Amino acid sequence: MSTPLIGICGGGIGGLAAAIALNKLGQRVVVFEQAPQFARVGADINLTPNAVRA
């Protein structure tokens, strides 16, 4: 049986962290994001060491 394809809506910190974690577990993942590119928006975000490690 083939591995299912998991779709994640949103390429923010949570979506990308989930995609990376699932990918490391051997899952097939696709991330959907509406923004045409990454850009600085709003307040600065501080990533904890656990988030950076992922």
Protein backbone atom coordinates (compact mmCIF):
# COMPACT_ATOMS: atom_id res chain seq x y z
CA MET A 1 0.00 0.00 0.00
CA SER A 2 1.36 3.43 -0.90
CA THR A 3 1.87 6.24 1.60
CA PRO A 4 -0.99 8.78 1.52
CA LEU A 5 -0.29 12.33 0.40
CA ILE A 6 -0.85 14.83 3.23
CA GLY A 7 -1.86 18.38 2.33
CA ILE A 8 -1.03 21.28 4.65
CA CYS A 9 -2.74 24.63 4.10
CA GLY A 10 -0.45 27.49 5.06
CA GLY A 11 3.30 27.91 4.79
CA GLY A 12 3.75 29.74 8.09
CA ILE A 13 5.86 28.53 10.97
CA GLY A 14 3.30 25.93 12.07
CA GLY A 15 2.60 24.60 8.60
CA LEU A 16 6.24 24.30 7.63
CA ALA A 17 7.21 22.75 10.98
CA ALA A 18 4.43 20.17 10.56
CA ALA A 19 5.52 19.44 6.99
CA ILE A 20 9.15 18.96 8.03
CA ALA A 21 8.19 16.68 10.93
CA LEU A 22 5.85 14.56 8.81
CA ASN A 23 8.45 14.33 6.04
CA LYS A 24 11.06 13.11 8.53
CA LEU A 25 8.59 10.39 9.56
CA GLY A 26 8.46 9.21 5.95
CA GLN A 27 5.15 10.82 4.98
CA ARG A 28 4.53 12.44 1.61
CA VAL A 29 3.61 16.09 2.22
CA VAL A 30 2.59 19.04 0.04
CA VAL A 31 2.25 22.58 1.43
CA PHE A 32 -0.26 25.00 -0.09
CA GLU A 33 0.42 28.71 0.36
CA GLN A 34 -1.35 31.63 -1.27
CA ALA A 35 1.47 34.19 -0.88
CA PRO A 36 3.65 34.46 -3.99
CA GLN A 37 6.83 34.78 -1.90
CA PHE A 38 8.08 34.94 1.68
CA ALA A 39 8.33 38.44 3.11
CA ARG A 40 8.64 40.17 6.47
CA VAL A 41 5.16 40.91 7.74
CA GLY A 42 4.13 42.28 11.11
CA ALA A 43 6.04 41.71 14.32
CA ASP A 44 9.30 39.88 14.63
CA ILE A 45 8.96 36.20 15.55
CA ASN A 46 11.39 34.48 17.88
CA LEU A 47 11.91 30.77 17.21
CA THR A 48 12.68 28.58 20.19
CA PRO A 49 15.57 26.09 19.96
CA ASN A 50 13.11 23.21 19.37
CA ALA A 51 11.60 24.99 16.35
CA VAL A 52 15.02 25.81 14.92
CA ARG A 53 16.16 22.20 15.35
CA ALA A 54 13.23 20.97 13.27
